[in-house]
Structure formats: C-alpha cells, structure tokens
Amino acid sequence: MRLPRFVSIPSSTMKRLVALTLIGVLASACLGRPASEAEGEEIYLQLCSNCHGVQLQGGLGPALGPGSNAAVQPDEFLRLAITDGRGRMPSFSSTLTEDQVGRLVSYLRREQAG
C-alpha cells in the first residue's frame, strides 16, 4: 500500500522532537507559582498532579502514594527531586520556597502513611 505524498511516517528524530515538545508543554503547564501560604496539598494539586496523578497514582511521572518507590525514600531525596528535578521532572527551585517544599514533602508523607 502506498501512502499519499503528503503523508509521511515520522522518523525517530521527529518522534523524539515531538516527545520533548510534549514534555515541555506539560512542564510549562505545571510551572505557575502557588500562593506563598499554600498548604502542601494545594501545592501538589497545582504543580504535581498533572504528572503524578490527583491521587498520587502516577501517570507521566511515577506514583508517589502508599507503596510507591517514593514512599521508601528519605525526605532529603524528595526535597532534592523537587528542587533540582529528576529525569523528565523539571526543577522547581525557582517556583517554590524551601518552606513550600517542606510543606509539600509533609503532605506526601501524610498521604503515603494512609
């Protein structure tokens, strides 16, 4: 079967470019600054839930809830992942204060404890 001239199958380079663009769009949608007094849950819902799921079940990013790999990591691991980024996850060092990161980690720990 021949494809019409205007239809082409993307090359692996094009697929990578599309994937990176999609990740960039998703990350930019998550980068609004939460209110300085926002609680951990508010911060999570605003910045994290698009990738990690509203109920911490995972999605584009890994699960963060009870039984997840994140639940067994030390607090410092979570702080560093949030502030510096990790893998496809962007850095939130210019978006969140140290106190906000602490509230976010505390929220994750409460949710992980069930």
N, C-alpha and C. Protein backbone atom coordinates (compact mmCIF):
# COMPACT_ATOMS: atom_id res chain seq x y z
N MET A 1 0.84 -1.18 0.00
CA MET A 1 0.00 0.00 0.00
C MET A 1 0.88 1.24 0.00
N ARG A 2 0.61 2.14 -0.89
CA ARG A 2 1.35 3.40 -0.96
C ARG A 2 0.60 4.48 -0.21
N LEU A 3 1.36 5.27 0.56
CA LEU A 3 0.77 6.41 1.25
C LEU A 3 0.72 7.60 0.31
N PRO A 4 -0.28 8.44 0.47
CA PRO A 4 -0.30 9.67 -0.34
C PRO A 4 0.97 10.46 -0.08
N ARG A 5 1.35 11.25 -1.03
CA ARG A 5 2.59 12.01 -0.98
C ARG A 5 2.67 12.93 0.25
N PHE A 6 1.55 13.47 0.69
CA PHE A 6 1.56 14.41 1.80
C PHE A 6 1.58 13.72 3.17
N VAL A 7 1.47 12.40 3.21
CA VAL A 7 1.52 11.65 4.47
C VAL A 7 2.90 11.04 4.60
N SER A 8 3.50 11.25 5.77
CA SER A 8 4.80 10.62 5.99
C SER A 8 4.84 10.05 7.41
N ILE A 9 5.61 9.04 7.57
CA ILE A 9 5.80 8.43 8.88
C ILE A 9 6.97 9.16 9.54
N PRO A 10 6.76 9.68 10.77
CA PRO A 10 7.84 10.43 11.42
C PRO A 10 9.07 9.56 11.65
N SER A 11 10.22 10.15 11.48
CA SER A 11 11.47 9.45 11.76
C SER A 11 11.67 9.39 13.27
N SER A 12 12.65 8.62 13.72
CA SER A 12 12.91 8.53 15.15
C SER A 12 13.31 9.90 15.71
N THR A 13 14.01 10.69 14.94
CA THR A 13 14.36 12.05 15.37
C THR A 13 13.12 12.89 15.55
N MET A 14 12.20 12.78 14.61
CA MET A 14 10.96 13.55 14.70
C MET A 14 10.14 13.08 15.90
N LYS A 15 10.12 11.79 16.16
CA LYS A 15 9.38 11.26 17.31
C LYS A 15 9.97 11.81 18.60
N ARG A 16 11.29 11.86 18.68
CA ARG A 16 11.94 12.42 19.87
C ARG A 16 11.61 13.89 20.03
N LEU A 17 11.62 14.62 18.94
CA LEU A 17 11.29 16.05 18.98
C LEU A 17 9.86 16.26 19.45
N VAL A 18 8.94 15.47 18.95
CA VAL A 18 7.54 15.56 19.37
C VAL A 18 7.42 15.23 20.86
N ALA A 19 8.11 14.18 21.32
CA ALA A 19 8.06 13.80 22.73
C ALA A 19 8.62 14.91 23.62
N LEU A 20 9.75 15.48 23.24
CA LEU A 20 10.35 16.57 24.02
C LEU A 20 9.45 17.79 24.04
N THR A 21 8.82 18.08 22.92
CA THR A 21 7.89 19.21 22.86
C THR A 21 6.71 18.97 23.80
N LEU A 22 6.18 17.77 23.77
CA LEU A 22 5.06 17.43 24.66
C LEU A 22 5.46 17.56 26.12
N ILE A 23 6.62 17.06 26.47
CA ILE A 23 7.10 17.17 27.85
C ILE A 23 7.27 18.65 28.22
N GLY A 24 7.80 19.45 27.32
CA GLY A 24 7.95 20.87 27.58
C GLY A 24 6.62 21.57 27.80
N VAL A 25 5.64 21.22 26.99
CA VAL A 25 4.30 21.82 27.14
C VAL A 25 3.70 21.41 28.48
N LEU A 26 3.81 20.13 28.83
CA LEU A 26 3.27 19.66 30.11
C LEU A 26 3.99 20.32 31.27
N ALA A 27 5.30 20.42 31.18
CA ALA A 27 6.06 21.04 32.27
C ALA A 27 5.70 22.51 32.41
N SER A 28 5.56 23.22 31.30
CA SER A 28 5.23 24.64 31.38
C SER A 28 3.83 24.85 31.94
N ALA A 29 2.94 23.89 31.73
CA ALA A 29 1.59 23.99 32.29
C ALA A 29 1.61 23.83 33.80
N CYS A 30 2.67 23.25 34.32
CA CYS A 30 2.78 22.98 35.75
C CYS A 30 3.58 24.04 36.51
N LEU A 31 4.08 25.05 35.84
CA LEU A 31 5.06 25.92 36.47
C LEU A 31 4.51 27.21 37.08
N GLY A 32 3.20 27.36 37.24
CA GLY A 32 2.69 28.54 37.92
C GLY A 32 3.12 28.52 39.37
N ARG A 33 3.28 29.70 39.96
CA ARG A 33 3.69 29.77 41.37
C ARG A 33 2.49 29.66 42.28
N PRO A 34 2.54 28.76 43.24
CA PRO A 34 1.45 28.69 44.22
C PRO A 34 1.57 29.87 45.20
N ALA A 35 0.47 30.19 45.87
CA ALA A 35 0.49 31.25 46.87
C ALA A 35 1.52 30.90 47.94
N SER A 36 2.17 31.91 48.50
CA SER A 36 3.23 31.65 49.48
C SER A 36 2.72 30.90 50.70
N GLU A 37 1.45 31.08 51.04
CA GLU A 37 0.89 30.40 52.21
C GLU A 37 0.18 29.08 51.85
N ALA A 38 0.27 28.65 50.61
CA ALA A 38 -0.41 27.43 50.16
C ALA A 38 0.04 26.22 50.98
N GLU A 39 -0.93 25.40 51.32
CA GLU A 39 -0.64 24.16 52.03
C GLU A 39 -0.06 23.13 51.05
N GLY A 40 0.52 22.07 51.60
CA GLY A 40 1.15 21.04 50.77
C GLY A 40 0.22 20.45 49.74
N GLU A 41 -1.03 20.18 50.12
CA GLU A 41 -1.98 19.60 49.18
C GLU A 41 -2.27 20.56 48.03
N GLU A 42 -2.40 21.85 48.33
CA GLU A 42 -2.65 22.84 47.28
C GLU A 42 -1.47 22.90 46.31
N ILE A 43 -0.26 22.88 46.87
CA ILE A 43 0.94 22.91 46.03
C ILE A 43 0.97 21.67 45.14
N TYR A 44 0.70 20.51 45.74
CA TYR A 44 0.70 19.26 44.98
C TYR A 44 -0.31 19.33 43.83
N LEU A 45 -1.53 19.75 44.14
CA LEU A 45 -2.57 19.79 43.10
C LEU A 45 -2.23 20.77 41.99
N GLN A 46 -1.60 21.88 42.34
CA GLN A 46 -1.26 22.88 41.33
C GLN A 46 -0.06 22.47 40.48
N LEU A 47 0.96 21.92 41.11
CA LEU A 47 2.22 21.68 40.39
C LEU A 47 2.52 20.24 40.03
N CYS A 48 1.99 19.30 40.79
CA CYS A 48 2.44 17.91 40.67
C CYS A 48 1.40 16.96 40.08
N SER A 49 0.13 17.25 40.33
CA SER A 49 -0.91 16.28 39.98
C SER A 49 -1.04 16.04 38.48
N ASN A 50 -0.67 17.01 37.66
CA ASN A 50 -0.76 16.80 36.20
C ASN A 50 0.11 15.63 35.75
N CYS A 51 1.22 15.44 36.41
CA CYS A 51 2.14 14.36 36.02
C CYS A 51 2.07 13.15 36.95
N HIS A 52 1.84 13.38 38.25
CA HIS A 52 1.87 12.29 39.21
C HIS A 52 0.48 11.80 39.62
N GLY A 53 -0.56 12.40 39.06
CA GLY A 53 -1.93 11.98 39.34
C GLY A 53 -2.54 12.68 40.54
N VAL A 54 -3.82 12.96 40.46
CA VAL A 54 -4.53 13.66 41.53
C VAL A 54 -4.45 12.87 42.83
N GLN A 55 -4.46 11.56 42.73
CA GLN A 55 -4.42 10.70 43.92
C GLN A 55 -3.05 10.04 44.10
N LEU A 56 -2.01 10.68 43.56
CA LEU A 56 -0.63 10.22 43.66
C LEU A 56 -0.41 8.86 43.01
N GLN A 57 -1.28 8.48 42.08
CA GLN A 57 -1.25 7.16 41.46
C GLN A 57 -0.25 7.07 40.31
N GLY A 58 0.33 8.17 39.89
CA GLY A 58 1.26 8.15 38.78
C GLY A 58 0.57 8.44 37.47
N GLY A 59 1.34 8.65 36.46
CA GLY A 59 0.86 8.99 35.12
C GLY A 59 2.09 9.19 34.26
N LEU A 60 2.32 10.42 33.81
CA LEU A 60 3.56 10.74 33.11
C LEU A 60 4.74 10.55 34.06
N GLY A 61 4.54 10.95 35.30
CA GLY A 61 5.55 10.75 36.35
C GLY A 61 5.18 9.54 37.19
N PRO A 62 6.12 9.06 38.00
CA PRO A 62 5.85 7.87 38.81
C PRO A 62 4.83 8.13 39.91
N ALA A 63 4.27 7.05 40.43
CA ALA A 63 3.37 7.12 41.58
C ALA A 63 4.14 7.64 42.79
N LEU A 64 3.44 8.38 43.65
CA LEU A 64 4.06 8.92 44.86
C LEU A 64 3.33 8.48 46.12
N GLY A 65 2.26 7.72 45.98
CA GLY A 65 1.42 7.35 47.11
C GLY A 65 1.94 6.17 47.90
N PRO A 66 1.08 5.61 48.77
CA PRO A 66 1.46 4.46 49.59
C PRO A 66 1.95 3.30 48.71
N GLY A 67 3.02 2.65 49.15
CA GLY A 67 3.57 1.52 48.42
C GLY A 67 4.46 1.89 47.25
N SER A 68 4.58 3.18 46.95
CA SER A 68 5.41 3.60 45.82
C SER A 68 6.88 3.64 46.22
N ASN A 69 7.75 3.72 45.24
CA ASN A 69 9.18 3.87 45.49
C ASN A 69 9.45 5.15 46.28
N ALA A 70 8.69 6.21 46.00
CA ALA A 70 8.88 7.48 46.71
C ALA A 70 8.60 7.33 48.20
N ALA A 71 7.70 6.43 48.57
CA ALA A 71 7.33 6.26 49.97
C ALA A 71 8.46 5.70 50.82
N VAL A 72 9.42 5.03 50.20
CA VAL A 72 10.53 4.45 50.96
C VAL A 72 11.80 5.30 50.88
N GLN A 73 11.75 6.38 50.13
CA GLN A 73 12.91 7.26 50.01
C GLN A 73 12.96 8.23 51.19
N PRO A 74 14.15 8.66 51.58
CA PRO A 74 14.24 9.65 52.66
C PRO A 74 13.69 11.01 52.22
N ASP A 75 13.32 11.82 53.19
CA ASP A 75 12.79 13.15 52.89
C ASP A 75 13.75 13.96 52.01
N GLU A 76 15.03 13.86 52.28
CA GLU A 76 16.01 14.63 51.52
C GLU A 76 15.99 14.25 50.04
N PHE A 77 15.76 12.99 49.73
CA PHE A 77 15.62 12.56 48.33
C PHE A 77 14.46 13.31 47.66
N LEU A 78 13.32 13.36 48.35
CA LEU A 78 12.16 14.06 47.79
C LEU A 78 12.45 15.54 47.63
N ARG A 79 13.08 16.15 48.65
CA ARG A 79 13.41 17.59 48.56
C ARG A 79 14.30 17.87 47.35
N LEU A 80 15.32 17.05 47.18
CA LEU A 80 16.24 17.25 46.05
C LEU A 80 15.54 17.03 44.71
N ALA A 81 14.69 16.01 44.64
CA ALA A 81 13.96 15.76 43.39
C ALA A 81 13.06 16.95 43.04
N ILE A 82 12.42 17.53 44.04
CA ILE A 82 11.54 18.68 43.81
C ILE A 82 12.33 19.91 43.43
N THR A 83 13.39 20.20 44.15
CA THR A 83 14.13 21.44 43.89
C THR A 83 15.04 21.35 42.67
N ASP A 84 15.70 20.20 42.47
CA ASP A 84 16.66 20.08 41.37
C ASP A 84 16.09 19.42 40.13
N GLY A 85 14.94 18.74 40.26
CA GLY A 85 14.40 17.98 39.15
C GLY A 85 15.05 16.60 39.13
N ARG A 86 14.46 15.72 38.36
CA ARG A 86 14.99 14.34 38.27
C ARG A 86 14.44 13.72 37.01
N GLY A 87 15.31 13.23 36.14
CA GLY A 87 14.85 12.64 34.88
C GLY A 87 14.06 13.65 34.08
N ARG A 88 12.82 13.32 33.75
CA ARG A 88 11.97 14.23 32.97
C ARG A 88 11.33 15.32 33.82
N MET A 89 11.43 15.19 35.13
CA MET A 89 10.81 16.15 36.03
C MET A 89 11.62 17.44 36.07
N PRO A 90 10.93 18.58 35.88
CA PRO A 90 11.66 19.85 35.92
C PRO A 90 12.02 20.25 37.35
N SER A 91 12.96 21.15 37.48
CA SER A 91 13.34 21.73 38.76
C SER A 91 12.28 22.75 39.18
N PHE A 92 11.94 22.77 40.45
CA PHE A 92 11.00 23.75 40.99
C PHE A 92 11.72 24.72 41.92
N SER A 93 13.05 24.83 41.81
CA SER A 93 13.82 25.70 42.69
C SER A 93 13.46 27.17 42.52
N SER A 94 13.03 27.57 41.34
CA SER A 94 12.66 28.98 41.14
C SER A 94 11.16 29.19 41.32
N THR A 95 10.42 28.12 41.61
CA THR A 95 8.97 28.19 41.75
C THR A 95 8.55 28.08 43.22
N LEU A 96 9.26 27.27 43.99
CA LEU A 96 8.89 27.00 45.37
C LEU A 96 9.97 27.47 46.33
N THR A 97 9.53 27.98 47.47
CA THR A 97 10.46 28.32 48.54
C THR A 97 10.82 27.04 49.29
N GLU A 98 11.84 27.12 50.12
CA GLU A 98 12.24 25.96 50.93
C GLU A 98 11.09 25.53 51.84
N ASP A 99 10.37 26.50 52.39
CA ASP A 99 9.24 26.21 53.26
C ASP A 99 8.12 25.50 52.49
N GLN A 100 7.85 25.95 51.26
CA GLN A 100 6.82 25.30 50.45
C GLN A 100 7.22 23.86 50.11
N VAL A 101 8.49 23.65 49.81
CA VAL A 101 8.97 22.29 49.54
C VAL A 101 8.76 21.43 50.78
N GLY A 102 9.05 21.96 51.95
CA GLY A 102 8.83 21.23 53.19
C GLY A 102 7.37 20.86 53.39
N ARG A 103 6.46 21.81 53.09
CA ARG A 103 5.03 21.52 53.21
C ARG A 103 4.60 20.46 52.21
N LEU A 104 5.17 20.50 51.03
CA LEU A 104 4.85 19.51 50.00
C LEU A 104 5.32 18.12 50.43
N VAL A 105 6.54 18.02 50.93
CA VAL A 105 7.07 16.74 51.41
C VAL A 105 6.22 16.23 52.57
N SER A 106 5.82 17.11 53.48
CA SER A 106 4.98 16.70 54.61
C SER A 106 3.63 16.17 54.11
N TYR A 107 3.08 16.82 53.11
CA TYR A 107 1.81 16.34 52.52
C TYR A 107 2.00 14.95 51.93
N LEU A 108 3.07 14.76 51.17
CA LEU A 108 3.33 13.44 50.58
C LEU A 108 3.45 12.37 51.66
N ARG A 109 4.15 12.68 52.74
CA ARG A 109 4.34 11.71 53.82
C ARG A 109 3.00 11.37 54.50
N ARG A 110 2.15 12.36 54.70
CA ARG A 110 0.84 12.08 55.30
C ARG A 110 0.02 11.16 54.39
N GLU A 111 0.05 11.45 53.10
CA GLU A 111 -0.71 10.64 52.15
C GLU A 111 -0.13 9.22 52.04
N GLN A 112 1.18 9.12 52.08
CA GLN A 112 1.83 7.80 51.99
C GLN A 112 1.53 6.95 53.22
N ALA A 113 1.34 7.60 54.35
CA ALA A 113 1.05 6.88 55.58
C ALA A 113 -0.38 6.35 55.59
N GLY A 114 -1.21 6.92 54.71
CA GLY A 114 -2.59 6.47 54.60
C GLY A 114 -3.41 7.05 55.66
